[in-house]
C-alpha atoms as a PDB file:
ATOM      1  CA  MET A   1       0.000   0.000   0.000  1.00  0.00           C
ATOM      2  CA  LYS A   2       1.308   3.427  -0.885  1.00  0.00           C
ATOM      3  CA  SER A   3       1.729   5.962   1.891  1.00  0.00           C
ATOM      4  CA  SER A   4      -0.701   8.875   1.832  1.00  0.00           C
ATOM      5  CA  CYS A   5       2.052  11.211   3.026  1.00  0.00           C
ATOM      6  CA  PHE A   6       3.152  13.916   0.646  1.00  0.00           C
ATOM      7  CA  HIS A   7       6.365  15.844   1.109  1.00  0.00           C
ATOM      8  CA  ALA A   8       7.488  17.183  -2.234  1.00  0.00           C
ATOM      9  CA  LYS A   9       8.099  20.503  -3.933  1.00  0.00           C
ATOM     10  CA  THR A  10       5.788  21.093  -6.871  1.00  0.00           C
ATOM     11  CA  ALA A  11       5.066  23.870  -9.325  1.00  0.00           C
ATOM     12  CA  ASP A  12       1.396  23.958  -8.282  1.00  0.00           C
ATOM     13  CA  TRP A  13       2.105  24.573  -4.595  1.00  0.00           C
ATOM     14  CA  ARG A  14      -0.636  27.204  -4.352  1.00  0.00           C
ATOM     15  CA  ASN A  15      -3.282  24.593  -5.143  1.00  0.00           C
ATOM     16  CA  ARG A  16      -2.333  22.126  -2.417  1.00  0.00           C
ATOM     17  CA  PRO A  17      -4.480  22.221   0.741  1.00  0.00           C
ATOM     18  CA  VAL A  18      -2.733  23.643   3.789  1.00  0.00           C
ATOM     19  CA  GLN A  19      -3.662  22.719   7.337  1.00  0.00           C
ATOM     20  CA  VAL A  20      -3.679  25.488   9.952  1.00  0.00           C
ATOM     21  CA  GLU A  21      -3.277  24.857  13.668  1.00  0.00           C
ATOM     22  CA  GLU A  22      -3.178  27.390  16.508  1.00  0.00           C
ATOM     23  CA  PHE A  23      -1.901  27.004  20.057  1.00  0.00           C
ATOM     24  CA  MET A  24      -1.487  28.931  23.279  1.00  0.00           C
ATOM     25  CA  ILE A  25       1.563  27.486  25.012  1.00  0.00           C
ATOM     26  CA  PRO A  26       3.044  28.360  28.417  1.00  0.00           C
ATOM     27  CA  ALA A  27       6.083  30.595  28.488  1.00  0.00           C
ATOM     28  CA  SER A  28       8.893  30.104  30.983  1.00  0.00           C
ATOM     29  CA  ASP A  29       7.296  32.647  33.328  1.00  0.00           C
ATOM     30  CA  LEU A  30       4.126  31.857  35.258  1.00  0.00           C
ATOM     31  CA  GLY A  31       0.997  33.443  33.824  1.00  0.00           C
ATOM     32  CA  ILE A  32       2.422  34.161  30.349  1.00  0.00           C
ATOM     33  CA  GLU A  33       1.077  32.324  27.312  1.00  0.00           C
ATOM     34  CA  LEU A  34       2.449  32.511  23.777  1.00  0.00           C
ATOM     35  CA  TYR A  35       0.367  32.364  20.616  1.00  0.00           C
ATOM     36  CA  VAL A  36       1.744  29.916  18.023  1.00  0.00           C
ATOM     37  CA  ARG A  37       0.417  29.324  14.502  1.00  0.00           C
ATOM     38  CA  ASN A  38       1.418  26.351  12.358  1.00  0.00           C
ATOM     39  CA  LYS A  39       0.850  25.772   8.644  1.00  0.00           C
ATOM     40  CA  HIS A  40       1.809  22.683   6.674  1.00  0.00           C
ATOM     41  CA  LEU A  41       0.508  20.702   3.730  1.00  0.00           C
ATOM     42  CA  ALA A  42      -2.571  18.768   4.808  1.00  0.00           C
ATOM     43  CA  SER A  43      -1.054  15.657   3.240  1.00  0.00           C
ATOM     44  CA  MET A  44       2.124  15.767   5.335  1.00  0.00           C
ATOM     45  CA  CYS A  45       2.618  13.153   8.027  1.00  0.00           C
ATOM     46  CA  LYS A  46       6.411  12.915   8.223  1.00  0.00           C
ATOM     47  CA  TRP A  47       8.338  15.624  10.009  1.00  0.00           C
ATOM     48  CA  LYS A  48      11.949  16.415   9.254  1.00  0.00           C
ATOM     49  CA  PRO A  49      14.382  18.912  10.790  1.00  0.00           C
ATOM     50  CA  GLU A  50      15.386  20.347   7.426  1.00  0.00           C
ATOM     51  CA  SER A  51      11.793  21.374   6.690  1.00  0.00           C
ATOM     52  CA  THR A  52      10.690  22.506  10.146  1.00  0.00           C
ATOM     53  CA  VAL A  53      10.885  26.305  10.426  1.00  0.00           C
ATOM     54  CA  ILE A  54      10.075  28.859  13.129  1.00  0.00           C
ATOM     55  CA  CYS A  55       9.697  32.520  12.112  1.00  0.00           C
ATOM     56  CA  VAL A  56      10.738  35.233  14.587  1.00  0.00           C
ATOM     57  CA  HIS A  57       9.349  38.771  14.366  1.00  0.00           C
ATOM     58  CA  GLY A  58      10.879  42.167  15.061  1.00  0.00           C
ATOM     59  CA  GLY A  59      10.429  44.759  17.768  1.00  0.00           C
ATOM     60  CA  THR A  60       7.252  46.532  16.613  1.00  0.00           C
ATOM     61  CA  TYR A  61       4.815  44.256  14.787  1.00  0.00           C
ATOM     62  CA  PRO A  62       3.507  40.816  15.911  1.00  0.00           C
ATOM     63  CA  GLY A  63       4.693  37.701  14.162  1.00  0.00           C
ATOM     64  CA  HIS A  64       1.375  36.347  12.923  1.00  0.00           C
ATOM     65  CA  ALA A  65       0.646  39.622  11.081  1.00  0.00           C
ATOM     66  CA  LEU A  66       4.152  39.902   9.623  1.00  0.00           C
ATOM     67  CA  TYR A  67       4.510  36.374   8.323  1.00  0.00           C
ATOM     68  CA  ASP A  68       0.895  35.422   7.656  1.00  0.00           C
ATOM     69  CA  THR A  69      -0.836  38.350   5.970  1.00  0.00           C
ATOM     70  CA  ALA A  70      -1.933  37.252   2.500  1.00  0.00           C
ATOM     71  CA  LEU A  71      -1.158  39.379  -0.554  1.00  0.00           C
ATOM     72  CA  ASP A  72      -2.246  38.198  -3.991  1.00  0.00           C
ATOM     73  CA  GLY A  73      -3.680  35.131  -2.283  1.00  0.00           C
ATOM     74  CA  PHE A  74      -0.806  33.950  -0.108  1.00  0.00           C
ATOM     75  CA  SER A  75       1.419  34.937   2.789  1.00  0.00           C
ATOM     76  CA  TRP A  76       5.071  34.101   3.480  1.00  0.00           C
ATOM     77  CA  LEU A  77       3.873  31.370   5.861  1.00  0.00           C
ATOM     78  CA  ASP A  78       1.667  29.989   3.072  1.00  0.00           C
ATOM     79  CA  TYR A  79       4.663  29.962   0.739  1.00  0.00           C
ATOM     80  CA  LEU A  80       6.763  28.070   3.273  1.00  0.00           C
ATOM     81  CA  ALA A  81       3.995  25.546   3.922  1.00  0.00           C
ATOM     82  CA  GLY A  82       3.229  25.129   0.233  1.00  0.00           C
ATOM     83  CA  HIS A  83       6.857  24.232  -0.409  1.00  0.00           C
ATOM     84  CA  GLY A  84       6.827  21.351   2.027  1.00  0.00           C
ATOM     85  CA  ASN A  85       7.813  23.095   5.240  1.00  0.00           C
ATOM     86  CA  ASP A  86       6.238  22.579   8.629  1.00  0.00           C
ATOM     87  CA  ALA A  87       6.118  26.344   9.225  1.00  0.00           C
ATOM     88  CA  TYR A  88       5.510  28.109  12.536  1.00  0.00           C
ATOM     89  CA  VAL A  89       5.161  31.720  13.602  1.00  0.00           C
ATOM     90  CA  PHE A  90       4.581  33.036  17.113  1.00  0.00           C
ATOM     91  CA  ASP A  91       3.980  36.292  18.962  1.00  0.00           C
ATOM     92  CA  ILE A  92       6.464  37.235  21.660  1.00  0.00           C
ATOM     93  CA  ARG A  93       4.762  38.238  24.909  1.00  0.00           C
ATOM     94  CA  GLY A  94       3.378  41.763  24.689  1.00  0.00           C
ATOM     95  CA  TYR A  95       2.641  41.386  20.980  1.00  0.00           C
ATOM     96  CA  GLY A  96      -0.376  40.251  19.004  1.00  0.00           C
ATOM     97  CA  LYS A  97      -2.302  37.355  20.528  1.00  0.00           C
ATOM     98  CA  SER A  98       0.182  36.465  23.262  1.00  0.00           C
ATOM     99  CA  THR A  99      -0.224  37.563  26.874  1.00  0.00           C
ATOM    100  CA  ARG A 100       0.201  41.296  27.394  1.00  0.00           C
ATOM    101  CA  PRO A 101       2.201  41.987  30.573  1.00  0.00           C
ATOM    102  CA  ILE A 102       0.249  43.951  33.155  1.00  0.00           C
ATOM    103  CA  GLU A 103       2.477  46.988  32.541  1.00  0.00           C
ATOM    104  CA  MET A 104       0.808  47.403  29.150  1.00  0.00           C
ATOM    105  CA  LEU A 105      -2.471  48.301  30.875  1.00  0.00           C
ATOM    106  CA  GLN A 106      -0.758  51.055  32.840  1.00  0.00           C
ATOM    107  CA  ASP A 107       0.729  54.390  31.862  1.00  0.00           C
ATOM    108  CA  PRO A 108       3.925  53.552  29.923  1.00  0.00           C
ATOM    109  CA  ASN A 109       5.907  56.032  32.023  1.00  0.00           C
ATOM    110  CA  ASP A 110       5.045  54.195  35.230  1.00  0.00           C
ATOM    111  CA  ASN A 111       7.412  51.315  34.413  1.00  0.00           C
ATOM    112  CA  PHE A 112      10.750  50.593  32.772  1.00  0.00           C
ATOM    113  CA  ALA A 113      10.969  49.046  29.279  1.00  0.00           C
ATOM    114  CA  ILE A 114       9.512  45.556  29.181  1.00  0.00           C
ATOM    115  CA  VAL A 115      10.181  42.478  27.009  1.00  0.00           C
ATOM    116  CA  ASP A 116      13.862  42.964  26.243  1.00  0.00           C
ATOM    117  CA  GLY A 117      15.962  40.554  24.227  1.00  0.00           C
ATOM    118  CA  GLU A 118      16.712  38.285  27.162  1.00  0.00           C
ATOM    119  CA  THR A 119      12.994  37.843  27.797  1.00  0.00           C
ATOM    120  CA  ALA A 120      12.183  37.405  24.108  1.00  0.00           C
ATOM    121  CA  VAL A 121      14.860  34.724  23.704  1.00  0.00           C
ATOM    122  CA  ARG A 122      13.243  32.818  26.578  1.00  0.00           C
ATOM    123  CA  ASP A 123       9.951  32.970  24.674  1.00  0.00           C
ATOM    124  CA  LEU A 124      11.662  31.746  21.518  1.00  0.00           C
ATOM    125  CA  SER A 125      13.197  28.900  23.514  1.00  0.00           C
ATOM    126  CA  SER A 126       9.749  27.880  24.785  1.00  0.00           C
ATOM    127  CA  VAL A 127       8.408  27.753  21.228  1.00  0.00           C
ATOM    128  CA  VAL A 128      11.402  25.798  19.913  1.00  0.00           C
ATOM    129  CA  ASP A 129      11.036  23.223  22.683  1.00  0.00           C
ATOM    130  CA  PHE A 130       7.305  22.969  21.984  1.00  0.00           C
ATOM    131  CA  VAL A 131       7.844  22.317  18.275  1.00  0.00           C
ATOM    132  CA  LEU A 132      10.707  19.857  18.793  1.00  0.00           C
ATOM    133  CA  ALA A 133       8.674  17.880  21.324  1.00  0.00           C
ATOM    134  CA  ARG A 134       5.564  17.986  19.150  1.00  0.00           C
ATOM    135  CA  ARG A 135       7.361  16.628  16.102  1.00  0.00           C
ATOM    136  CA  GLN A 136       9.882  14.474  18.022  1.00  0.00           C
ATOM    137  CA  LEU A 137      12.838  16.234  16.413  1.00  0.00           C
ATOM    138  CA  SER A 138      16.185  17.383  17.754  1.00  0.00           C
ATOM    139  CA  ARG A 139      16.698  20.506  15.624  1.00  0.00           C
ATOM    140  CA  LEU A 140      15.022  22.873  13.179  1.00  0.00           C
ATOM    141  CA  ALA A 141      15.520  26.098  11.201  1.00  0.00           C
ATOM    142  CA  LEU A 142      14.969  29.686  12.320  1.00  0.00           C
ATOM    143  CA  ILE A 143      14.041  32.715  10.214  1.00  0.00           C
ATOM    144  CA  GLY A 144      14.517  36.077  11.916  1.00  0.00           C
ATOM    145  CA  TRP A 145      13.340  39.475  10.679  1.00  0.00           C
ATOM    146  CA  SER A 146      14.875  42.706  12.056  1.00  0.00           C
ATOM    147  CA  TRP A 147      15.106  42.424  15.886  1.00  0.00           C
ATOM    148  CA  GLY A 148      14.167  38.792  15.321  1.00  0.00           C
ATOM    149  CA  THR A 149      17.640  38.254  13.842  1.00  0.00           C
ATOM    150  CA  ASP A 150      19.165  39.326  17.161  1.00  0.00           C
ATOM    151  CA  LEU A 151      16.948  36.875  19.006  1.00  0.00           C
ATOM    152  CA  ALA A 152      17.565  34.010  16.588  1.00  0.00           C
ATOM    153  CA  GLY A 153      21.284  34.765  16.589  1.00  0.00           C
ATOM    154  CA  ARG A 154      21.524  34.718  20.388  1.00  0.00           C
ATOM    155  CA  TYR A 155      19.451  31.537  20.581  1.00  0.00           C
ATOM    156  CA  ALA A 156      21.641  29.827  17.974  1.00  0.00           C
ATOM    157  CA  THR A 157      24.827  30.652  19.899  1.00  0.00           C
ATOM    158  CA  GLU A 158      23.393  29.165  23.086  1.00  0.00           C
ATOM    159  CA  ASN A 159      21.640  26.163  21.514  1.00  0.00           C
ATOM    160  CA  ALA A 160      23.794  25.150  18.552  1.00  0.00           C
ATOM    161  CA  ASP A 161      22.528  21.571  18.702  1.00  0.00           C
ATOM    162  CA  LYS A 162      18.920  22.684  18.137  1.00  0.00           C
ATOM    163  CA  VAL A 163      19.471  25.011  15.158  1.00  0.00           C
ATOM    164  CA  GLY A 164      20.207  23.373  11.826  1.00  0.00           C
ATOM    165  CA  ARG A 165      19.833  26.432   9.582  1.00  0.00           C
ATOM    166  CA  LEU A 166      19.547  30.130  10.198  1.00  0.00           C
ATOM    167  CA  VAL A 167      18.116  32.933   8.047  1.00  0.00           C
ATOM    168  CA  PHE A 168      18.458  36.633   8.870  1.00  0.00           C
ATOM    169  CA  PHE A 169      16.284  39.075   6.935  1.00  0.00           C
ATOM    170  CA  GLY A 170      17.348  42.682   7.575  1.00  0.00           C
ATOM    171  CA  PRO A 171      19.857  41.890  10.345  1.00  0.00           C
ATOM    172  CA  SER A 172      20.929  44.633  12.712  1.00  0.00           C
ATOM    173  CA  TRP A 173      24.521  45.298  13.669  1.00  0.00           C
ATOM    174  CA  PHE A 174      26.555  48.220  14.966  1.00  0.00           C
ATOM    175  CA  PRO A 175      25.670  51.600  13.418  1.00  0.00           C
ATOM    176  CA  VAL A 176      28.385  53.278  11.367  1.00  0.00           C
ATOM    177  CA  PRO A 177      29.519  55.814  12.310  1.00  0.00           C
ATOM    178  CA  ALA A 178      29.034  54.972  15.980  1.00  0.00           C
ATOM    179  CA  LEU A 179      26.131  56.928  17.396  1.00  0.00           C
ATOM    180  CA  PRO A 180      25.783  58.192  20.959  1.00  0.00           C
ATOM    181  CA  SER A 181      22.724  56.926  22.773  1.00  0.00           C
ATOM    182  CA  ARG A 182      19.905  59.460  22.742  1.00  0.00           C
ATOM    183  CA  LEU A 183      17.644  57.147  24.691  1.00  0.00           C
ATOM    184  CA  PRO A 184      16.937  58.129  28.294  1.00  0.00           C
ATOM    185  CA  GLU A 185      18.085  56.092  31.263  1.00  0.00           C
ATOM    186  CA  LYS A 186      14.460  55.221  31.917  1.00  0.00           C
ATOM    187  CA  ILE A 187      12.772  54.015  28.742  1.00  0.00           C
ATOM    188  CA  PRO A 188       8.970  53.731  29.118  1.00  0.00           C
ATOM    189  CA  ALA A 189       7.472  50.259  29.330  1.00  0.00           C
ATOM    190  CA  TYR A 190       5.937  50.428  25.867  1.00  0.00           C
ATOM    191  CA  ARG A 191       5.233  52.851  23.056  1.00  0.00           C
ATOM    192  CA  ILE A 192       2.186  53.835  21.050  1.00  0.00           C
ATOM    193  CA  VAL A 193       2.630  53.301  17.306  1.00  0.00           C
ATOM    194  CA  LYS A 194       0.085  55.128  15.158  1.00  0.00           C
ATOM    195  CA  ARG A 195      -1.007  53.914  11.772  1.00  0.00           C
ATOM    196  CA  ASP A 196      -0.964  57.339  10.132  1.00  0.00           C
ATOM    197  CA  ARG A 197       2.827  57.463  10.405  1.00  0.00           C
ATOM    198  CA  ALA A 198       3.561  53.904   9.355  1.00  0.00           C
ATOM    199  CA  LEU A 199       3.610  54.279   5.581  1.00  0.00           C
ATOM    200  CA  ALA A 200       6.021  57.228   5.598  1.00  0.00           C
ATOM    201  CA  ARG A 201       8.436  55.275   7.763  1.00  0.00           C
ATOM    202  CA  TRP A 202       8.053  52.173   5.603  1.00  0.00           C
ATOM    203  CA  LEU A 203       8.955  54.022   2.396  1.00  0.00           C
ATOM    204  CA  SER A 204      11.677  56.227   3.870  1.00  0.00           C
ATOM    205  CA  GLY A 205      14.562  56.446   1.409  1.00  0.00           C
ATOM    206  CA  VAL A 206      12.552  55.135  -1.556  1.00  0.00           C
ATOM    207  CA  PRO A 207      12.551  57.491  -4.595  1.00  0.00           C
ATOM    208  CA  ASP A 208       9.114  59.049  -5.052  1.00  0.00           C
ATOM    209  CA  GLN A 209       8.679  57.617  -8.545  1.00  0.00           C
ATOM    210  CA  LYS A 210       9.317  54.097  -7.253  1.00  0.00           C
ATOM    211  CA  ARG A 211       6.951  54.024  -4.298  1.00  0.00           C
ATOM    212  CA  ASP A 212       3.819  52.728  -6.024  1.00  0.00           C
ATOM    213  CA  GLN A 213       5.945  50.352  -8.082  1.00  0.00           C
ATOM    214  CA  ILE A 214       7.436  48.530  -5.101  1.00  0.00           C
ATOM    215  CA  LEU A 215       4.338  48.763  -2.901  1.00  0.00           C
ATOM    216  CA  PRO A 216       0.959  48.653  -4.643  1.00  0.00           C
ATOM    217  CA  PRO A 217      -1.343  50.901  -2.581  1.00  0.00           C
ATOM    218  CA  ALA A 218      -3.862  48.100  -2.052  1.00  0.00           C
ATOM    219  CA  TRP A 219      -1.123  45.871  -0.634  1.00  0.00           C
ATOM    220  CA  GLY A 220      -0.046  48.597   1.746  1.00  0.00           C
ATOM    221  CA  ARG A 221      -3.608  48.999   3.033  1.00  0.00           C
ATOM    222  CA  THR A 222      -3.983  45.242   3.491  1.00  0.00           C
ATOM    223  CA  VAL A 223      -0.780  45.006   5.516  1.00  0.00           C
ATOM    224  CA  LEU A 224      -1.595  47.990   7.716  1.00  0.00           C
ATOM    225  CA  ASP A 225      -5.160  46.730   8.246  1.00  0.00           C
ATOM    226  CA  ALA A 226      -3.781  43.385   9.417  1.00  0.00           C
ATOM    227  CA  ILE A 227      -1.211  44.884  11.776  1.00  0.00           C
ATOM    228  CA  TRP A 228      -3.442  47.555  13.296  1.00  0.00           C
ATOM    229  CA  SER A 229      -6.194  45.032  14.006  1.00  0.00           C
ATOM    230  CA  THR A 230      -3.932  43.118  16.414  1.00  0.00           C
ATOM    231  CA  ASP A 231      -4.208  45.461  19.414  1.00  0.00           C
ATOM    232  CA  PRO A 232      -7.583  45.112  21.172  1.00  0.00           C
ATOM    233  CA  LEU A 233      -7.313  48.630  22.621  1.00  0.00           C
ATOM    234  CA  GLY A 234      -5.952  50.418  19.575  1.00  0.00           C
ATOM    235  CA  ALA A 235      -7.955  48.804  16.790  1.00  0.00           C
ATOM    236  CA  THR A 236     -11.045  50.934  17.440  1.00  0.00           C
ATOM    237  CA  ALA A 237      -9.222  54.157  18.332  1.00  0.00           C
ATOM    238  CA  GLU A 238      -9.057  57.176  16.018  1.00  0.00           C
ATOM    239  CA  PRO A 239      -6.438  57.187  14.739  1.00  0.00           C
ATOM    240  CA  PRO A 240      -5.748  53.474  15.313  1.00  0.00           C
ATOM    241  CA  PHE A 241      -2.667  52.497  17.279  1.00  0.00           C
ATOM    242  CA  ILE A 242      -0.794  49.469  18.490  1.00  0.00           C
ATOM    243  CA  ARG A 243       1.212  49.111  21.681  1.00  0.00           C
ATOM    244  CA  ALA A 244       4.732  47.725  21.325  1.00  0.00           C
ATOM    245  CA  PRO A 245       6.998  46.810  24.238  1.00  0.00           C
ATOM    246  CA  ASN A 246      10.128  48.960  24.404  1.00  0.00           C
ATOM    247  CA  GLY A 247      12.534  46.145  25.223  1.00  0.00           C
ATOM    248  CA  SER A 248      14.025  46.203  21.737  1.00  0.00           C
ATOM    249  CA  GLY A 249      14.887  49.881  22.221  1.00  0.00           C
ATOM    250  CA  LYS A 250      16.512  49.044  25.549  1.00  0.00           C
ATOM    251  CA  ASP A 251      18.593  46.400  23.758  1.00  0.00           C
ATOM    252  CA  TRP A 252      19.634  48.953  21.141  1.00  0.00           C
ATOM    253  CA  ARG A 253      20.814  51.335  23.871  1.00  0.00           C
ATOM    254  CA  ASP A 254      22.456  48.756  26.127  1.00  0.00           C
ATOM    255  CA  TYR A 255      24.148  46.699  23.408  1.00  0.00           C
ATOM    256  CA  TRP A 256      24.592  48.173  19.944  1.00  0.00           C
ATOM    257  CA  LEU A 257      24.941  51.829  20.978  1.00  0.00           C
ATOM    258  CA  ALA A 258      27.198  50.774  23.853  1.00  0.00           C
ATOM    259  CA  GLY A 259      29.557  48.897  21.535  1.00  0.00           C
ATOM    260  CA  LYS A 260      28.510  45.425  22.744  1.00  0.00           C
ATOM    261  CA  PRO A 261      27.017  42.796  20.409  1.00  0.00           C
ATOM    262  CA  PHE A 262      23.849  41.066  21.570  1.00  0.00           C
ATOM    263  CA  TYR A 263      25.348  37.790  20.347  1.00  0.00           C
ATOM    264  CA  ASP A 264      28.714  36.560  19.111  1.00  0.00           C
ATOM    265  CA  PRO A 265      28.550  35.609  15.390  1.00  0.00           C
ATOM    266  CA  ALA A 266      31.631  33.414  15.796  1.00  0.00           C
ATOM    267  CA  LYS A 267      29.544  31.081  17.977  1.00  0.00           C
ATOM    268  CA  ILE A 268      27.006  30.431  15.219  1.00  0.00           C
ATOM    269  CA  LEU A 269      27.688  27.013  13.717  1.00  0.00           C
ATOM    270  CA  ALA A 270      24.632  26.523  11.521  1.00  0.00           C
ATOM    271  CA  PRO A 271      24.611  27.391   7.819  1.00  0.00           C
ATOM    272  CA  THR A 272      23.450  31.016   7.757  1.00  0.00           C
ATOM    273  CA  LEU A 273      21.876  33.211   5.093  1.00  0.00           C
ATOM    274  CA  LEU A 274      21.814  37.006   5.333  1.00  0.00           C
ATOM    275  CA  VAL A 275      19.142  38.634   3.160  1.00  0.00           C
ATOM    276  CA  GLN A 276      18.967  42.368   2.594  1.00  0.00           C
ATOM    277  CA  ALA A 277      17.077  44.920   0.498  1.00  0.00           C
ATOM    278  CA  GLU A 278      18.703  47.955  -1.102  1.00  0.00           C
ATOM    279  CA  TRP A 279      16.513  50.675   0.436  1.00  0.00           C
ATOM    280  CA  ASP A 280      16.359  49.265   3.952  1.00  0.00           C
ATOM    281  CA  ALA A 281      16.508  52.374   6.153  1.00  0.00           C
ATOM    282  CA  GLU A 282      16.079  50.432   9.411  1.00  0.00           C
ATOM    283  CA  THR A 283      18.993  48.022   9.023  1.00  0.00           C
ATOM    284  CA  PRO A 284      20.987  49.319   6.025  1.00  0.00           C
ATOM    285  CA  PRO A 285      23.034  46.913   3.883  1.00  0.00           C
ATOM    286  CA  TYR A 286      26.316  47.949   5.487  1.00  0.00           C
ATOM    287  CA  MET A 287      25.191  46.133   8.627  1.00  0.00           C
ATOM    288  CA  SER A 288      25.003  42.836   6.744  1.00  0.00           C
ATOM    289  CA  HIS A 289      28.326  43.590   5.055  1.00  0.00           C
ATOM    290  CA  THR A 290      29.934  43.961   8.475  1.00  0.00           C
ATOM    291  CA  LEU A 291      28.245  40.951  10.022  1.00  0.00           C
ATOM    292  CA  PHE A 292      28.886  38.490   7.198  1.00  0.00           C
ATOM    293  CA  PRO A 293      32.677  38.016   7.616  1.00  0.00           C
ATOM    294  CA  LEU A 294      32.194  37.546  11.370  1.00  0.00           C
ATOM    295  CA  LEU A 295      30.328  34.273  10.798  1.00  0.00           C
ATOM    296  CA  VAL A 296      33.682  32.481  10.829  1.00  0.00           C
ATOM    297  CA  ASN A 297      32.385  29.146  12.120  1.00  0.00           C
ATOM    298  CA  SER A 298      29.163  28.847  10.140  1.00  0.00           C
ATOM    299  CA  ARG A 299      29.078  25.562   8.213  1.00  0.00           C
ATOM    300  CA  GLY A 300      28.192  27.482   5.057  1.00  0.00           C
ATOM    301  CA  LYS A 301      27.173  31.125   4.799  1.00  0.00           C
ATOM    302  CA  GLN A 302      25.567  33.182   2.072  1.00  0.00           C
ATOM    303  CA  TYR A 303      24.651  36.832   1.578  1.00  0.00           C
ATOM    304  CA  THR A 304      22.029  38.153  -0.834  1.00  0.00           C
ATOM    305  CA  CYS A 305      21.001  41.769  -1.409  1.00  0.00           C
ATOM    306  CA  PHE A 306      17.955  42.573  -3.531  1.00  0.00           C
ATOM    307  CA  GLY A 307      17.519  45.876  -5.325  1.00  0.00           C
ATOM    308  CA  GLU A 308      14.534  48.191  -4.931  1.00  0.00           C
ATOM    309  CA  GLY A 309      13.182  46.924  -1.628  1.00  0.00           C
ATOM    310  CA  THR A 310      12.854  48.130   1.962  1.00  0.00           C
ATOM    311  CA  HIS A 311      12.943  46.685   5.460  1.00  0.00           C
ATOM    312  CA  ASN A 312       9.449  45.379   4.677  1.00  0.00           C
ATOM    313  CA  ALA A 313      10.344  43.840   1.315  1.00  0.00           C
ATOM    314  CA  PRO A 314       8.439  40.586   2.093  1.00  0.00           C
ATOM    315  CA  PHE A 315       5.297  42.705   1.610  1.00  0.00           C
ATOM    316  CA  GLU A 316       6.444  44.352  -1.614  1.00  0.00           C
ATOM    317  CA  ARG A 317       6.157  43.683  -5.347  1.00  0.00           C
ATOM    318  CA  ASP A 318       9.321  41.567  -5.611  1.00  0.00           C
ATOM    319  CA  ARG A 319       8.714  39.540  -2.461  1.00  0.00           C
ATOM    320  CA  LEU A 320       8.780  36.243  -4.337  1.00  0.00           C
ATOM    321  CA  ASN A 321      12.462  36.779  -5.115  1.00  0.00           C
ATOM    322  CA  ILE A 322      13.126  36.839  -1.382  1.00  0.00           C
ATOM    323  CA  PHE A 323      10.947  33.823  -0.658  1.00  0.00           C
ATOM    324  CA  VAL A 324      12.622  31.790  -3.411  1.00  0.00           C
ATOM    325  CA  ALA A 325      16.133  32.680  -2.242  1.00  0.00           C
ATOM    326  CA  ILE A 326      15.351  31.672   1.329  1.00  0.00           C
ATOM    327  CA  GLN A 327      13.590  28.472   0.319  1.00  0.00           C
ATOM    328  CA  THR A 328      16.521  27.526  -1.929  1.00  0.00           C
ATOM    329  CA  PHE A 329      18.890  28.072   0.987  1.00  0.00           C
ATOM    330  CA  LEU A 330      16.755  25.990   3.342  1.00  0.00           C
ATOM    331  CA  GLU A 331      16.833  23.138   0.858  1.00  0.00           C
ATOM    332  CA  GLY A 332      20.489  23.467  -0.003  1.00  0.00           C
ATOM    333  CA  TYR A 333      22.384  22.197   3.022  1.00  0.00           C
ATOM    334  CA  ASN A 334      22.553  18.816   4.634  1.00  0.00           C
ATOM    335  CA  TYR A 335      22.279  18.887   8.390  1.00  0.00           C
ATOM    336  CA  GLN A 336      25.384  18.023  10.329  1.00  0.00           C
ATOM    337  CA  ALA A 337      25.640  17.803  14.084  1.00  0.00           C
ATOM    338  CA  PRO A 338      27.879  20.550  15.482  1.00  0.00           C
END
């Protein structure tokens, strides 16, 4: 009898049914639960480390909105699942559908910055352990975006045996020239991010004549609608807002602006791909250029920079180029124990 399992890459990936599962799992701290979403081909029943992927979001927007907002019929998570991956995304505490710390119901100035990198890495560790136990695997792949590259990088240096492949989209590194910290000693617990300012920040540095070409207006509205619907307090406000923990800003002050890396690239052993877009104003290409040669012990490293894209290029016209490059990398290395 032939097995009903299907685990192959096909040209008609968009037509294959995808199964969606959602979980609330306990974090390492009592009373905190993390939202996890999983997508995989409905026909899959064999789980492999080389095709098990966790996506890690940045410091402002929640993971499920970043990786699983559909444009032209599919999201990045759909693309990963359609190409035979067991794909996961989660919201760090304080973001999206995960538990909001009590400080987020108080005046932000009443408390210090919450959910810094140390805390976020603990949340990532909880999700990794959940997925590995669920699929009875010993390792998997991580995709980080923006601040998520810091978190994935730190996790990979401390858990080399659990990370088989590593992808950084828009990685941060030290600013050049070195900048003095303009952040106060006491950073508020969280910040209010308003929708009416989001598009200008997104397209900062993009030539005016290129803006509609790289980001169709309808796509921009879809993305912003998805993100600004994730905060139960801000979604109905006028103008809408989301609350974002300020821990990533605390990390920026205490590490990168202080001349200290959040993780040591030399301790990363997994094959690692750095992906960058030309007009990224948040983490400019020079950061990847500086980071890349420091990955001295990676068992295979690659760097790719795409033209005419921003820090949010996975939502832009040429996003498929990025998805294909990352999928090709994920398929291209055999796992080896460190």
